[in-house]
Amino acid sequence: MKKTLIPLLVFVVLLVFLAIGLTRNPREVPSPLINKPAPVFTLQQLHAPEKSFDSKSMLGQVWLLNTWASWCVACREEHPVLMEYAKTKSVALIGLDYKDKPEEGRKWLSRFGNPYDLSISDLDGRVGIDFGVYGVPETFLIDKQGVIRYKHIGPVTPEALKEKIIPLIQELQK
């Protein structure tokens, strides 16, 4: 009797965990970096490889770091949203060209438009890994002290901007 009851209990527990997991939104993967200092990095600028960008230069500013790549299909989906948002000039929008050939990234921005105040090349993906990127696009909101306050996984949508990102930016700029 006990031998047949144990596998049944294990099966029921597994079903409960599965049911809980199916009710969660996969886009809301909590990041362990939220409310922690953003990784410090220095990378070459995409359009001026002889120049570098140091994340420490953003201290004192609220900014968005958007990971993208020319090979990323979902990045095309979010690109018009970023183009429209960039017109507001409310915060610096830094593009992190992730695991991409610089010439392909430049070509892609030339073709679709460039919403970024600056783009940087993460050729080997190390900075992306430091930020916990596991797929592009991902967007990080970083406060004046250099702390990550929000991570958006997947394409930024008008709804995400309006309901989550812009209110957080406004709060952080106070």
N, C-alpha and C. Protein backbone atom coordinates (compact mmCIF):
# COMPACT_ATOMS: atom_id res chain seq x y z
N MET A 1 0.82 -1.20 0.00
CA MET A 1 0.00 0.00 0.00
C MET A 1 0.87 1.26 0.00
N LYS A 2 1.86 1.33 0.92
CA LYS A 2 2.73 2.50 1.00
C LYS A 2 3.56 2.67 -0.27
N LYS A 3 3.99 1.56 -0.87
CA LYS A 3 4.82 1.64 -2.06
C LYS A 3 4.06 2.26 -3.23
N THR A 4 2.79 2.06 -3.32
CA THR A 4 2.00 2.66 -4.42
C THR A 4 1.58 4.08 -4.09
N LEU A 5 1.51 4.42 -2.83
CA LEU A 5 1.09 5.76 -2.41
C LEU A 5 2.19 6.80 -2.64
N ILE A 6 3.43 6.46 -2.45
CA ILE A 6 4.55 7.40 -2.61
C ILE A 6 4.64 7.91 -4.06
N PRO A 7 4.64 7.03 -5.07
CA PRO A 7 4.69 7.55 -6.45
C PRO A 7 3.46 8.43 -6.77
N LEU A 8 2.33 8.10 -6.23
CA LEU A 8 1.13 8.90 -6.47
C LEU A 8 1.28 10.30 -5.85
N LEU A 9 1.81 10.38 -4.64
CA LEU A 9 2.05 11.67 -3.99
C LEU A 9 3.07 12.50 -4.77
N VAL A 10 4.14 11.86 -5.21
CA VAL A 10 5.15 12.57 -6.01
C VAL A 10 4.52 13.10 -7.29
N PHE A 11 3.69 12.31 -7.93
CA PHE A 11 3.00 12.72 -9.16
C PHE A 11 2.08 13.92 -8.90
N VAL A 12 1.35 13.91 -7.81
CA VAL A 12 0.45 15.02 -7.47
C VAL A 12 1.25 16.29 -7.21
N VAL A 13 2.35 16.19 -6.48
CA VAL A 13 3.20 17.36 -6.21
C VAL A 13 3.73 17.94 -7.52
N LEU A 14 4.19 17.08 -8.41
CA LEU A 14 4.68 17.54 -9.72
C LEU A 14 3.58 18.23 -10.51
N LEU A 15 2.36 17.69 -10.46
CA LEU A 15 1.23 18.32 -11.15
C LEU A 15 0.93 19.71 -10.59
N VAL A 16 1.04 19.87 -9.29
CA VAL A 16 0.81 21.17 -8.66
C VAL A 16 1.85 22.18 -9.14
N PHE A 17 3.12 21.78 -9.15
CA PHE A 17 4.18 22.68 -9.63
C PHE A 17 3.97 23.03 -11.11
N LEU A 18 3.57 22.06 -11.90
CA LEU A 18 3.32 22.30 -13.32
C LEU A 18 2.16 23.29 -13.49
N ALA A 19 1.10 23.10 -12.74
CA ALA A 19 -0.06 23.99 -12.82
C ALA A 19 0.32 25.42 -12.44
N ILE A 20 1.12 25.58 -11.40
CA ILE A 20 1.57 26.91 -10.98
C ILE A 20 2.44 27.53 -12.07
N GLY A 21 3.35 26.75 -12.64
CA GLY A 21 4.22 27.24 -13.69
C GLY A 21 3.46 27.68 -14.94
N LEU A 22 2.40 26.99 -15.26
CA LEU A 22 1.62 27.34 -16.45
C LEU A 22 0.82 28.62 -16.28
N THR A 23 0.61 29.07 -15.06
CA THR A 23 -0.13 30.32 -14.83
C THR A 23 0.77 31.54 -14.88
N ARG A 24 2.07 31.34 -14.92
CA ARG A 24 3.02 32.46 -14.91
C ARG A 24 3.30 32.95 -16.32
N ASN A 25 3.62 34.23 -16.42
CA ASN A 25 3.97 34.84 -17.70
C ASN A 25 5.46 34.63 -17.94
N PRO A 26 5.85 33.96 -19.05
CA PRO A 26 7.27 33.71 -19.28
C PRO A 26 8.07 34.98 -19.55
N ARG A 27 7.40 36.08 -19.88
CA ARG A 27 8.09 37.36 -20.11
C ARG A 27 8.47 38.03 -18.79
N GLU A 28 7.94 37.53 -17.69
CA GLU A 28 8.21 38.13 -16.39
C GLU A 28 9.19 37.30 -15.59
N VAL A 29 10.30 36.99 -16.20
CA VAL A 29 11.35 36.25 -15.52
C VAL A 29 12.08 37.24 -14.61
N PRO A 30 12.04 37.00 -13.31
CA PRO A 30 12.70 37.95 -12.42
C PRO A 30 14.22 37.93 -12.64
N SER A 31 14.79 39.11 -12.66
CA SER A 31 16.24 39.21 -12.83
C SER A 31 16.88 39.38 -11.46
N PRO A 32 17.94 38.63 -11.19
CA PRO A 32 18.64 38.80 -9.90
C PRO A 32 19.38 40.13 -9.84
N LEU A 33 19.48 40.84 -10.98
CA LEU A 33 20.20 42.11 -11.00
C LEU A 33 19.34 43.33 -10.66
N ILE A 34 18.03 43.14 -10.58
CA ILE A 34 17.16 44.26 -10.26
C ILE A 34 17.54 44.79 -8.87
N ASN A 35 17.67 46.12 -8.79
CA ASN A 35 18.06 46.83 -7.57
C ASN A 35 19.51 46.56 -7.15
N LYS A 36 20.31 46.12 -8.13
CA LYS A 36 21.75 45.94 -7.89
C LYS A 36 22.51 46.80 -8.90
N PRO A 37 23.75 47.16 -8.59
CA PRO A 37 24.53 47.97 -9.53
C PRO A 37 24.66 47.28 -10.89
N ALA A 38 24.51 48.06 -11.93
CA ALA A 38 24.69 47.54 -13.29
C ALA A 38 26.16 47.19 -13.49
N PRO A 39 26.42 46.14 -14.26
CA PRO A 39 27.82 45.82 -14.56
C PRO A 39 28.52 47.01 -15.22
N VAL A 40 29.73 47.24 -14.81
CA VAL A 40 30.54 48.32 -15.38
C VAL A 40 31.25 47.76 -16.60
N PHE A 41 31.26 48.52 -17.68
CA PHE A 41 31.90 48.05 -18.90
C PHE A 41 32.42 49.22 -19.73
N THR A 42 33.32 48.90 -20.63
CA THR A 42 33.82 49.83 -21.64
C THR A 42 33.82 49.05 -22.96
N LEU A 43 33.15 49.61 -23.97
CA LEU A 43 33.07 48.97 -25.28
C LEU A 43 33.30 49.98 -26.39
N GLN A 44 33.65 49.48 -27.56
CA GLN A 44 33.82 50.33 -28.73
C GLN A 44 32.46 50.83 -29.21
N GLN A 45 32.44 52.07 -29.69
CA GLN A 45 31.23 52.60 -30.29
C GLN A 45 31.03 51.95 -31.66
N LEU A 46 29.79 51.68 -31.99
CA LEU A 46 29.48 51.01 -33.25
C LEU A 46 29.85 51.88 -34.46
N HIS A 47 29.52 53.15 -34.40
CA HIS A 47 29.75 54.03 -35.55
C HIS A 47 31.12 54.71 -35.52
N ALA A 48 31.83 54.59 -34.43
CA ALA A 48 33.17 55.17 -34.32
C ALA A 48 34.04 54.21 -33.50
N PRO A 49 34.47 53.10 -34.12
CA PRO A 49 35.21 52.06 -33.39
C PRO A 49 36.48 52.55 -32.71
N GLU A 50 37.00 53.67 -33.16
CA GLU A 50 38.20 54.21 -32.53
C GLU A 50 37.87 54.87 -31.19
N LYS A 51 36.58 55.08 -30.92
CA LYS A 51 36.13 55.67 -29.65
C LYS A 51 35.46 54.59 -28.81
N SER A 52 35.51 54.80 -27.50
CA SER A 52 34.86 53.84 -26.61
C SER A 52 33.76 54.53 -25.81
N PHE A 53 32.94 53.70 -25.22
CA PHE A 53 31.88 54.16 -24.32
C PHE A 53 32.09 53.45 -23.00
N ASP A 54 32.09 54.22 -21.91
CA ASP A 54 32.27 53.68 -20.57
C ASP A 54 30.96 53.89 -19.82
N SER A 55 30.39 52.81 -19.30
CA SER A 55 29.11 52.92 -18.61
C SER A 55 29.17 53.87 -17.42
N LYS A 56 30.35 54.07 -16.85
CA LYS A 56 30.48 55.00 -15.72
C LYS A 56 30.14 56.43 -16.14
N SER A 57 30.26 56.73 -17.43
CA SER A 57 29.94 58.07 -17.91
C SER A 57 28.46 58.40 -17.79
N MET A 58 27.63 57.39 -17.54
CA MET A 58 26.19 57.59 -17.42
C MET A 58 25.75 57.86 -15.97
N LEU A 59 26.67 57.78 -15.04
CA LEU A 59 26.32 58.07 -13.65
C LEU A 59 25.74 59.48 -13.56
N GLY A 60 24.67 59.62 -12.81
CA GLY A 60 23.99 60.91 -12.68
C GLY A 60 22.84 61.06 -13.66
N GLN A 61 22.66 60.06 -14.55
CA GLN A 61 21.58 60.09 -15.53
C GLN A 61 20.75 58.81 -15.44
N VAL A 62 19.46 58.93 -15.72
CA VAL A 62 18.62 57.76 -15.91
C VAL A 62 18.77 57.40 -17.39
N TRP A 63 18.95 56.11 -17.69
CA TRP A 63 19.14 55.72 -19.08
C TRP A 63 18.62 54.32 -19.35
N LEU A 64 18.38 54.07 -20.62
CA LEU A 64 17.94 52.76 -21.08
C LEU A 64 19.06 52.10 -21.88
N LEU A 65 19.30 50.83 -21.60
CA LEU A 65 20.24 50.03 -22.38
C LEU A 65 19.40 48.98 -23.10
N ASN A 66 19.38 49.05 -24.43
CA ASN A 66 18.59 48.12 -25.23
C ASN A 66 19.53 47.21 -26.00
N THR A 67 19.42 45.89 -25.74
CA THR A 67 20.22 44.93 -26.49
C THR A 67 19.49 44.57 -27.77
N TRP A 68 20.23 44.54 -28.86
CA TRP A 68 19.64 44.26 -30.17
C TRP A 68 20.72 43.64 -31.06
N ALA A 69 20.32 43.17 -32.23
CA ALA A 69 21.27 42.64 -33.20
C ALA A 69 20.62 42.64 -34.58
N SER A 70 21.44 42.73 -35.60
CA SER A 70 20.92 42.74 -36.98
C SER A 70 20.26 41.41 -37.32
N TRP A 71 20.67 40.33 -36.69
CA TRP A 71 20.12 39.00 -36.96
C TRP A 71 18.86 38.70 -36.15
N CYS A 72 18.45 39.62 -35.32
CA CYS A 72 17.32 39.41 -34.39
C CYS A 72 16.00 39.79 -35.04
N VAL A 73 15.13 38.82 -35.24
CA VAL A 73 13.82 39.06 -35.86
C VAL A 73 12.94 39.90 -34.95
N ALA A 74 12.93 39.60 -33.66
CA ALA A 74 12.08 40.35 -32.72
C ALA A 74 12.52 41.81 -32.59
N CYS A 75 13.79 42.08 -32.88
CA CYS A 75 14.27 43.46 -32.81
C CYS A 75 13.60 44.33 -33.87
N ARG A 76 13.27 43.74 -35.00
CA ARG A 76 12.53 44.47 -36.04
C ARG A 76 11.15 44.85 -35.55
N GLU A 77 10.57 43.99 -34.74
CA GLU A 77 9.24 44.25 -34.19
C GLU A 77 9.25 45.45 -33.25
N GLU A 78 10.27 45.56 -32.41
CA GLU A 78 10.32 46.64 -31.44
C GLU A 78 10.90 47.94 -32.01
N HIS A 79 11.61 47.84 -33.13
CA HIS A 79 12.35 48.98 -33.65
C HIS A 79 11.49 50.22 -33.91
N PRO A 80 10.32 50.09 -34.55
CA PRO A 80 9.49 51.28 -34.75
C PRO A 80 9.05 51.93 -33.43
N VAL A 81 8.86 51.12 -32.40
CA VAL A 81 8.48 51.64 -31.08
C VAL A 81 9.63 52.46 -30.52
N LEU A 82 10.85 51.95 -30.63
CA LEU A 82 12.02 52.69 -30.15
C LEU A 82 12.25 53.96 -30.97
N MET A 83 12.02 53.88 -32.27
CA MET A 83 12.18 55.06 -33.13
C MET A 83 11.24 56.17 -32.67
N GLU A 84 10.00 55.81 -32.37
CA GLU A 84 9.02 56.80 -31.93
C GLU A 84 9.37 57.33 -30.54
N TYR A 85 9.75 56.43 -29.63
CA TYR A 85 10.09 56.86 -28.28
C TYR A 85 11.33 57.76 -28.27
N ALA A 86 12.29 57.49 -29.14
CA ALA A 86 13.53 58.28 -29.17
C ALA A 86 13.26 59.75 -29.44
N LYS A 87 12.16 60.04 -30.12
CA LYS A 87 11.81 61.43 -30.43
C LYS A 87 11.55 62.25 -29.17
N THR A 88 11.17 61.59 -28.07
CA THR A 88 10.86 62.30 -26.83
C THR A 88 12.12 62.83 -26.15
N LYS A 89 13.26 62.19 -26.41
CA LYS A 89 14.54 62.58 -25.79
C LYS A 89 14.44 62.66 -24.26
N SER A 90 13.57 61.82 -23.65
CA SER A 90 13.39 61.90 -22.20
C SER A 90 14.54 61.27 -21.42
N VAL A 91 15.17 60.26 -21.99
CA VAL A 91 16.36 59.64 -21.37
C VAL A 91 17.29 59.20 -22.48
N ALA A 92 18.55 59.00 -22.12
CA ALA A 92 19.51 58.48 -23.10
C ALA A 92 19.15 57.03 -23.42
N LEU A 93 19.16 56.72 -24.69
CA LEU A 93 18.88 55.37 -25.16
C LEU A 93 20.16 54.84 -25.80
N ILE A 94 20.78 53.87 -25.11
CA ILE A 94 22.04 53.30 -25.57
C ILE A 94 21.74 51.92 -26.15
N GLY A 95 22.21 51.68 -27.36
CA GLY A 95 22.02 50.39 -28.00
C GLY A 95 23.24 49.51 -27.79
N LEU A 96 23.00 48.27 -27.41
CA LEU A 96 24.07 47.28 -27.23
C LEU A 96 23.92 46.26 -28.35
N ASP A 97 24.73 46.41 -29.40
CA ASP A 97 24.70 45.50 -30.55
C ASP A 97 25.35 44.20 -30.11
N TYR A 98 24.52 43.19 -29.87
CA TYR A 98 24.90 41.96 -29.17
C TYR A 98 25.32 40.85 -30.13
N LYS A 99 26.56 40.39 -29.98
CA LYS A 99 27.09 39.27 -30.76
C LYS A 99 26.81 39.45 -32.25
N ASP A 100 27.17 40.60 -32.77
CA ASP A 100 26.87 40.97 -34.14
C ASP A 100 28.13 41.50 -34.80
N LYS A 101 28.20 41.38 -36.09
CA LYS A 101 29.29 41.99 -36.84
C LYS A 101 29.01 43.49 -36.93
N PRO A 102 29.96 44.33 -36.55
CA PRO A 102 29.72 45.78 -36.56
C PRO A 102 29.19 46.30 -37.89
N GLU A 103 29.74 45.80 -39.01
CA GLU A 103 29.27 46.28 -40.30
C GLU A 103 27.80 45.92 -40.55
N GLU A 104 27.37 44.75 -40.03
CA GLU A 104 25.97 44.35 -40.16
C GLU A 104 25.07 45.23 -39.29
N GLY A 105 25.55 45.54 -38.09
CA GLY A 105 24.79 46.42 -37.20
C GLY A 105 24.62 47.81 -37.79
N ARG A 106 25.70 48.36 -38.34
CA ARG A 106 25.63 49.69 -38.97
C ARG A 106 24.68 49.68 -40.17
N LYS A 107 24.77 48.63 -40.97
CA LYS A 107 23.90 48.49 -42.14
C LYS A 107 22.43 48.43 -41.72
N TRP A 108 22.16 47.66 -40.67
CA TRP A 108 20.79 47.48 -40.17
C TRP A 108 20.22 48.82 -39.69
N LEU A 109 21.00 49.58 -38.92
CA LEU A 109 20.55 50.88 -38.44
C LEU A 109 20.37 51.87 -39.58
N SER A 110 21.21 51.78 -40.58
CA SER A 110 21.09 52.65 -41.74
C SER A 110 19.79 52.35 -42.50
N ARG A 111 19.45 51.09 -42.57
CA ARG A 111 18.24 50.67 -43.29
C ARG A 111 16.95 51.00 -42.54
N PHE A 112 16.93 50.73 -41.23
CA PHE A 112 15.69 50.86 -40.46
C PHE A 112 15.60 52.14 -39.62
N GLY A 113 16.68 52.89 -39.53
CA GLY A 113 16.70 54.10 -38.71
C GLY A 113 17.45 53.83 -37.41
N ASN A 114 17.95 54.91 -36.82
CA ASN A 114 18.76 54.77 -35.61
C ASN A 114 18.12 55.53 -34.45
N PRO A 115 17.46 54.82 -33.54
CA PRO A 115 16.83 55.49 -32.40
C PRO A 115 17.81 55.81 -31.27
N TYR A 116 19.02 55.27 -31.35
CA TYR A 116 19.95 55.33 -30.23
C TYR A 116 20.75 56.63 -30.20
N ASP A 117 20.98 57.10 -28.98
CA ASP A 117 21.90 58.21 -28.81
C ASP A 117 23.31 57.74 -29.11
N LEU A 118 23.54 56.46 -28.86
CA LEU A 118 24.85 55.85 -29.10
C LEU A 118 24.65 54.34 -29.13
N SER A 119 25.35 53.68 -30.03
CA SER A 119 25.36 52.21 -30.06
C SER A 119 26.77 51.73 -29.80
N ILE A 120 26.85 50.62 -29.11
CA ILE A 120 28.14 50.03 -28.78
C ILE A 120 28.15 48.58 -29.23
N SER A 121 29.34 48.05 -29.52
CA SER A 121 29.49 46.68 -30.02
C SER A 121 29.90 45.73 -28.92
N ASP A 122 29.06 44.73 -28.68
CA ASP A 122 29.38 43.66 -27.75
C ASP A 122 29.68 42.42 -28.58
N LEU A 123 30.84 42.41 -29.23
CA LEU A 123 31.18 41.38 -30.21
C LEU A 123 31.10 39.96 -29.66
N ASP A 124 31.67 39.75 -28.48
CA ASP A 124 31.70 38.40 -27.92
C ASP A 124 30.57 38.12 -26.93
N GLY A 125 29.74 39.12 -26.67
CA GLY A 125 28.59 38.93 -25.79
C GLY A 125 28.88 38.96 -24.31
N ARG A 126 30.10 39.32 -23.92
CA ARG A 126 30.46 39.30 -22.50
C ARG A 126 29.66 40.30 -21.67
N VAL A 127 29.44 41.50 -22.21
CA VAL A 127 28.66 42.49 -21.46
C VAL A 127 27.21 42.01 -21.34
N GLY A 128 26.68 41.47 -22.42
CA GLY A 128 25.33 40.91 -22.37
C GLY A 128 25.21 39.82 -21.32
N ILE A 129 26.21 38.97 -21.26
CA ILE A 129 26.22 37.90 -20.24
C ILE A 129 26.26 38.51 -18.84
N ASP A 130 27.07 39.54 -18.65
CA ASP A 130 27.14 40.20 -17.35
C ASP A 130 25.78 40.77 -16.94
N PHE A 131 25.00 41.21 -17.91
CA PHE A 131 23.66 41.75 -17.64
C PHE A 131 22.60 40.65 -17.54
N GLY A 132 22.99 39.42 -17.82
CA GLY A 132 22.03 38.31 -17.74
C GLY A 132 21.17 38.18 -18.98
N VAL A 133 21.63 38.70 -20.10
CA VAL A 133 20.88 38.58 -21.34
C VAL A 133 20.92 37.14 -21.82
N TYR A 134 19.76 36.59 -22.10
CA TYR A 134 19.74 35.25 -22.68
C TYR A 134 19.04 35.23 -24.01
N GLY A 135 18.60 36.38 -24.47
CA GLY A 135 18.00 36.50 -25.80
C GLY A 135 17.70 37.95 -26.08
N VAL A 136 17.97 38.39 -27.29
CA VAL A 136 17.67 39.77 -27.65
C VAL A 136 16.28 39.82 -28.29
N PRO A 137 15.59 40.91 -28.15
CA PRO A 137 15.95 42.12 -27.43
C PRO A 137 15.62 42.02 -25.94
N GLU A 138 16.40 42.72 -25.17
CA GLU A 138 16.14 42.94 -23.75
C GLU A 138 16.52 44.38 -23.46
N THR A 139 15.76 45.01 -22.56
CA THR A 139 15.98 46.42 -22.26
C THR A 139 16.09 46.61 -20.75
N PHE A 140 17.08 47.40 -20.34
CA PHE A 140 17.34 47.66 -18.93
C PHE A 140 17.18 49.13 -18.65
N LEU A 141 16.48 49.45 -17.56
CA LEU A 141 16.35 50.82 -17.09
C LEU A 141 17.32 50.98 -15.92
N ILE A 142 18.24 51.93 -16.06
CA ILE A 142 19.30 52.13 -15.07
C ILE A 142 19.17 53.52 -14.49
N ASP A 143 19.23 53.62 -13.15
CA ASP A 143 19.01 54.91 -12.49
C ASP A 143 20.28 55.75 -12.41
N LYS A 144 20.16 56.91 -11.78
CA LYS A 144 21.27 57.88 -11.69
C LYS A 144 22.48 57.34 -10.93
N GLN A 145 22.25 56.37 -10.04
CA GLN A 145 23.35 55.79 -9.27
C GLN A 145 23.96 54.57 -9.96
N GLY A 146 23.45 54.23 -11.15
CA GLY A 146 23.98 53.08 -11.87
C GLY A 146 23.38 51.76 -11.43
N VAL A 147 22.17 51.81 -10.88
CA VAL A 147 21.49 50.61 -10.39
C VAL A 147 20.40 50.22 -11.40
N ILE A 148 20.34 48.93 -11.71
CA ILE A 148 19.30 48.43 -12.62
C ILE A 148 17.97 48.44 -11.86
N ARG A 149 16.99 49.13 -12.40
CA ARG A 149 15.69 49.23 -11.75
C ARG A 149 14.59 48.44 -12.44
N TYR A 150 14.84 48.07 -13.71
CA TYR A 150 13.82 47.33 -14.44
C TYR A 150 14.48 46.61 -15.60
N LYS A 151 13.95 45.43 -15.92
CA LYS A 151 14.41 44.67 -17.07
C LYS A 151 13.19 44.25 -17.86
N HIS A 152 13.18 44.60 -19.14
CA HIS A 152 12.09 44.19 -20.03
C HIS A 152 12.63 43.12 -20.97
N ILE A 153 12.01 41.97 -20.94
CA ILE A 153 12.44 40.86 -21.79
C ILE A 153 11.56 40.85 -23.04
N GLY A 154 12.20 40.74 -24.19
CA GLY A 154 11.47 40.70 -25.45
C GLY A 154 11.29 42.10 -26.02
N PRO A 155 10.55 42.18 -27.13
CA PRO A 155 10.36 43.48 -27.77
C PRO A 155 9.61 44.47 -26.88
N VAL A 156 10.09 45.70 -26.84
CA VAL A 156 9.38 46.76 -26.13
C VAL A 156 8.15 47.10 -26.96
N THR A 157 7.01 47.14 -26.31
CA THR A 157 5.75 47.46 -26.98
C THR A 157 5.28 48.84 -26.53
N PRO A 158 4.37 49.45 -27.28
CA PRO A 158 3.81 50.73 -26.82
C PRO A 158 3.18 50.61 -25.44
N GLU A 159 2.55 49.48 -25.17
CA GLU A 159 1.91 49.26 -23.87
C GLU A 159 2.95 49.19 -22.75
N ALA A 160 4.04 48.47 -22.99
CA ALA A 160 5.10 48.36 -21.98
C ALA A 160 5.69 49.73 -21.69
N LEU A 161 5.89 50.53 -22.73
CA LEU A 161 6.41 51.88 -22.53
C LEU A 161 5.46 52.71 -21.69
N LYS A 162 4.20 52.72 -22.08
CA LYS A 162 3.20 53.56 -21.44
C LYS A 162 2.90 53.14 -20.00
N GLU A 163 2.77 51.84 -19.80
CA GLU A 163 2.31 51.34 -18.50
C GLU A 163 3.43 51.09 -17.50
N LYS A 164 4.62 50.80 -17.97
CA LYS A 164 5.68 50.42 -17.04
C LYS A 164 6.94 51.29 -17.15
N ILE A 165 7.50 51.38 -18.34
CA ILE A 165 8.82 52.00 -18.50
C ILE A 165 8.77 53.51 -18.28
N ILE A 166 7.87 54.21 -18.96
CA ILE A 166 7.81 55.68 -18.83
C ILE A 166 7.47 56.09 -17.39
N PRO A 167 6.48 55.47 -16.72
CA PRO A 167 6.25 55.86 -15.32
C PRO A 167 7.46 55.64 -14.42
N LEU A 168 8.20 54.56 -14.65
CA LEU A 168 9.42 54.31 -13.85
C LEU A 168 10.48 55.36 -14.15
N ILE A 169 10.63 55.72 -15.42
CA ILE A 169 11.60 56.77 -15.78
C ILE A 169 11.24 58.07 -15.07
N GLN A 170 9.97 58.43 -15.12
CA GLN A 170 9.53 59.68 -14.49
C GLN A 170 9.78 59.66 -12.99
N GLU A 171 9.55 58.54 -12.36
CA GLU A 171 9.79 58.39 -10.93
C GLU A 171 11.28 58.51 -10.61
N LEU A 172 12.11 57.88 -11.43
CA LEU A 172 13.55 57.91 -11.19
C LEU A 172 14.19 59.25 -11.48
N GLN A 173 13.56 60.07 -12.31
CA GLN A 173 14.11 61.37 -12.65
C GLN A 173 13.79 62.43 -11.60
N LYS A 174 12.96 62.12 -10.64
CA LYS A 174 12.59 63.09 -9.59
C LYS A 174 13.76 63.38 -8.70
